[in-house]
């Protein structure tokens, strides 16, 4: 991986790039898992509302 700094217009992309550059894979995985859990919780709530 290059040490060149890339500029991102999307703050989320910049945050992910920073995690990857710092080799914080475990922390990034924890964030992504939490986001998926939230998404599934929201979908479950929406499903219950529909039925």
N, C-alpha and C. Protein backbone atom coordinates (compact mmCIF):
# COMPACT_ATOMS: atom_id res chain seq x y z
N UNK A 1 0.85 -1.17 0.00
CA UNK A 1 0.00 0.00 0.00
C UNK A 1 0.90 1.23 0.00
N UNK A 2 0.50 2.19 -0.75
CA UNK A 2 1.28 3.42 -0.88
C UNK A 2 1.08 4.32 0.33
N UNK A 3 2.09 5.13 0.62
CA UNK A 3 1.98 6.10 1.69
C UNK A 3 1.46 7.44 1.19
N UNK A 4 1.12 7.53 -0.10
CA UNK A 4 0.59 8.76 -0.66
C UNK A 4 -0.77 9.06 -0.04
N UNK A 5 -0.98 10.33 0.23
CA UNK A 5 -2.27 10.75 0.80
C UNK A 5 -3.22 11.03 -0.34
N UNK A 6 -4.37 10.38 -0.30
CA UNK A 6 -5.40 10.62 -1.30
C UNK A 6 -6.50 11.45 -0.66
N UNK A 7 -7.09 12.32 -1.44
CA UNK A 7 -8.17 13.17 -0.93
C UNK A 7 -9.50 12.64 -1.43
N UNK A 8 -10.43 12.51 -0.51
CA UNK A 8 -11.75 11.98 -0.83
C UNK A 8 -12.79 13.06 -0.60
N UNK A 9 -13.75 13.14 -1.49
CA UNK A 9 -14.81 14.12 -1.33
C UNK A 9 -15.88 13.64 -0.35
N UNK A 10 -16.01 12.33 -0.18
CA UNK A 10 -16.99 11.76 0.74
C UNK A 10 -16.32 11.50 2.09
N UNK A 11 -16.81 12.11 3.17
CA UNK A 11 -16.18 11.90 4.48
C UNK A 11 -16.14 10.44 4.91
N UNK A 12 -17.16 9.66 4.53
CA UNK A 12 -17.16 8.24 4.90
C UNK A 12 -16.03 7.50 4.22
N UNK A 13 -15.77 7.81 2.95
CA UNK A 13 -14.66 7.19 2.23
C UNK A 13 -13.33 7.58 2.86
N UNK A 14 -13.22 8.82 3.28
CA UNK A 14 -12.00 9.28 3.92
C UNK A 14 -11.77 8.55 5.24
N UNK A 15 -12.85 8.33 6.01
CA UNK A 15 -12.73 7.62 7.27
C UNK A 15 -12.28 6.18 7.05
N UNK A 16 -12.88 5.52 6.08
CA UNK A 16 -12.51 4.13 5.77
C UNK A 16 -11.05 4.07 5.30
N UNK A 17 -10.66 5.01 4.45
CA UNK A 17 -9.28 5.05 3.97
C UNK A 17 -8.31 5.23 5.14
N UNK A 18 -8.67 6.07 6.10
CA UNK A 18 -7.81 6.30 7.27
C UNK A 18 -7.68 5.02 8.09
N UNK A 19 -8.78 4.30 8.31
CA UNK A 19 -8.71 3.03 9.03
C UNK A 19 -7.79 2.06 8.31
N UNK A 20 -7.94 1.96 6.99
CA UNK A 20 -7.13 1.02 6.23
C UNK A 20 -5.66 1.39 6.24
N UNK A 21 -5.37 2.67 6.17
CA UNK A 21 -3.98 3.13 6.19
C UNK A 21 -3.32 2.84 7.54
N UNK A 22 -4.11 2.89 8.61
CA UNK A 22 -3.58 2.66 9.95
C UNK A 22 -3.67 1.20 10.37
N UNK A 23 -4.10 0.36 9.46
CA UNK A 23 -4.24 -1.08 9.72
C UNK A 23 -5.14 -1.38 10.92
N UNK A 24 -6.20 -0.61 11.05
CA UNK A 24 -7.16 -0.82 12.12
C UNK A 24 -8.30 -1.70 11.62
N UNK A 25 -7.99 -2.84 11.08
CA UNK A 25 -9.00 -3.72 10.51
C UNK A 25 -10.02 -4.19 11.52
N UNK A 26 -9.58 -4.50 12.74
CA UNK A 26 -10.52 -4.98 13.76
C UNK A 26 -11.52 -3.90 14.13
N UNK A 27 -11.06 -2.68 14.28
CA UNK A 27 -11.97 -1.59 14.63
C UNK A 27 -12.96 -1.32 13.49
N UNK A 28 -12.46 -1.36 12.26
CA UNK A 28 -13.34 -1.16 11.11
C UNK A 28 -14.37 -2.28 11.03
N UNK A 29 -13.96 -3.50 11.29
CA UNK A 29 -14.88 -4.64 11.28
C UNK A 29 -15.96 -4.45 12.34
N UNK A 30 -15.58 -3.99 13.53
CA UNK A 30 -16.55 -3.76 14.60
C UNK A 30 -17.59 -2.71 14.18
N UNK A 31 -17.13 -1.65 13.52
CA UNK A 31 -18.04 -0.60 13.06
C UNK A 31 -19.00 -1.14 12.01
N UNK A 32 -18.46 -1.92 11.07
CA UNK A 32 -19.30 -2.47 10.00
C UNK A 32 -20.31 -3.47 10.54
N UNK A 33 -19.90 -4.29 11.49
CA UNK A 33 -20.83 -5.26 12.10
C UNK A 33 -21.94 -4.52 12.84
N UNK A 34 -21.60 -3.48 13.58
CA UNK A 34 -22.61 -2.70 14.30
C UNK A 34 -23.59 -2.06 13.31
N UNK A 35 -23.08 -1.57 12.19
CA UNK A 35 -23.95 -0.96 11.18
C UNK A 35 -24.90 -2.00 10.59
N UNK A 36 -24.39 -3.20 10.34
CA UNK A 36 -25.25 -4.27 9.82
C UNK A 36 -26.31 -4.67 10.84
N UNK A 37 -25.93 -4.76 12.10
CA UNK A 37 -26.90 -5.10 13.14
C UNK A 37 -28.00 -4.05 13.21
N UNK A 38 -27.62 -2.77 13.12
CA UNK A 38 -28.63 -1.70 13.10
C UNK A 38 -29.55 -1.83 11.89
N UNK A 39 -28.97 -2.12 10.74
CA UNK A 39 -29.77 -2.25 9.52
C UNK A 39 -30.76 -3.40 9.64
N UNK A 40 -30.30 -4.54 10.17
CA UNK A 40 -31.21 -5.68 10.34
C UNK A 40 -32.29 -5.39 11.38
N UNK A 41 -31.94 -4.66 12.43
CA UNK A 41 -32.93 -4.29 13.45
C UNK A 41 -34.00 -3.40 12.82
N UNK A 42 -33.57 -2.42 12.04
CA UNK A 42 -34.52 -1.51 11.38
C UNK A 42 -35.41 -2.28 10.41
N UNK A 43 -34.81 -3.17 9.63
CA UNK A 43 -35.61 -3.98 8.70
C UNK A 43 -36.63 -4.84 9.46
N UNK A 44 -36.20 -5.41 10.57
CA UNK A 44 -37.12 -6.21 11.38
C UNK A 44 -38.28 -5.39 11.91
N UNK A 45 -37.99 -4.17 12.35
CA UNK A 45 -39.05 -3.29 12.84
C UNK A 45 -40.01 -2.92 11.71
N UNK A 46 -39.46 -2.64 10.54
CA UNK A 46 -40.30 -2.30 9.40
C UNK A 46 -41.16 -3.48 8.98
N UNK A 47 -40.59 -4.68 9.02
CA UNK A 47 -41.34 -5.88 8.64
C UNK A 47 -42.52 -6.09 9.59
N UNK A 48 -42.30 -5.87 10.89
CA UNK A 48 -43.37 -6.03 11.87
C UNK A 48 -44.45 -4.98 11.67
N UNK A 49 -44.07 -3.79 11.26
CA UNK A 49 -45.02 -2.71 11.04
C UNK A 49 -45.92 -3.02 9.85
N UNK A 50 -45.35 -3.65 8.82
CA UNK A 50 -46.09 -3.97 7.60
C UNK A 50 -47.09 -5.08 7.85
N UNK A 51 -46.71 -6.08 8.65
CA UNK A 51 -47.58 -7.24 8.85
C UNK A 51 -48.38 -7.10 10.08
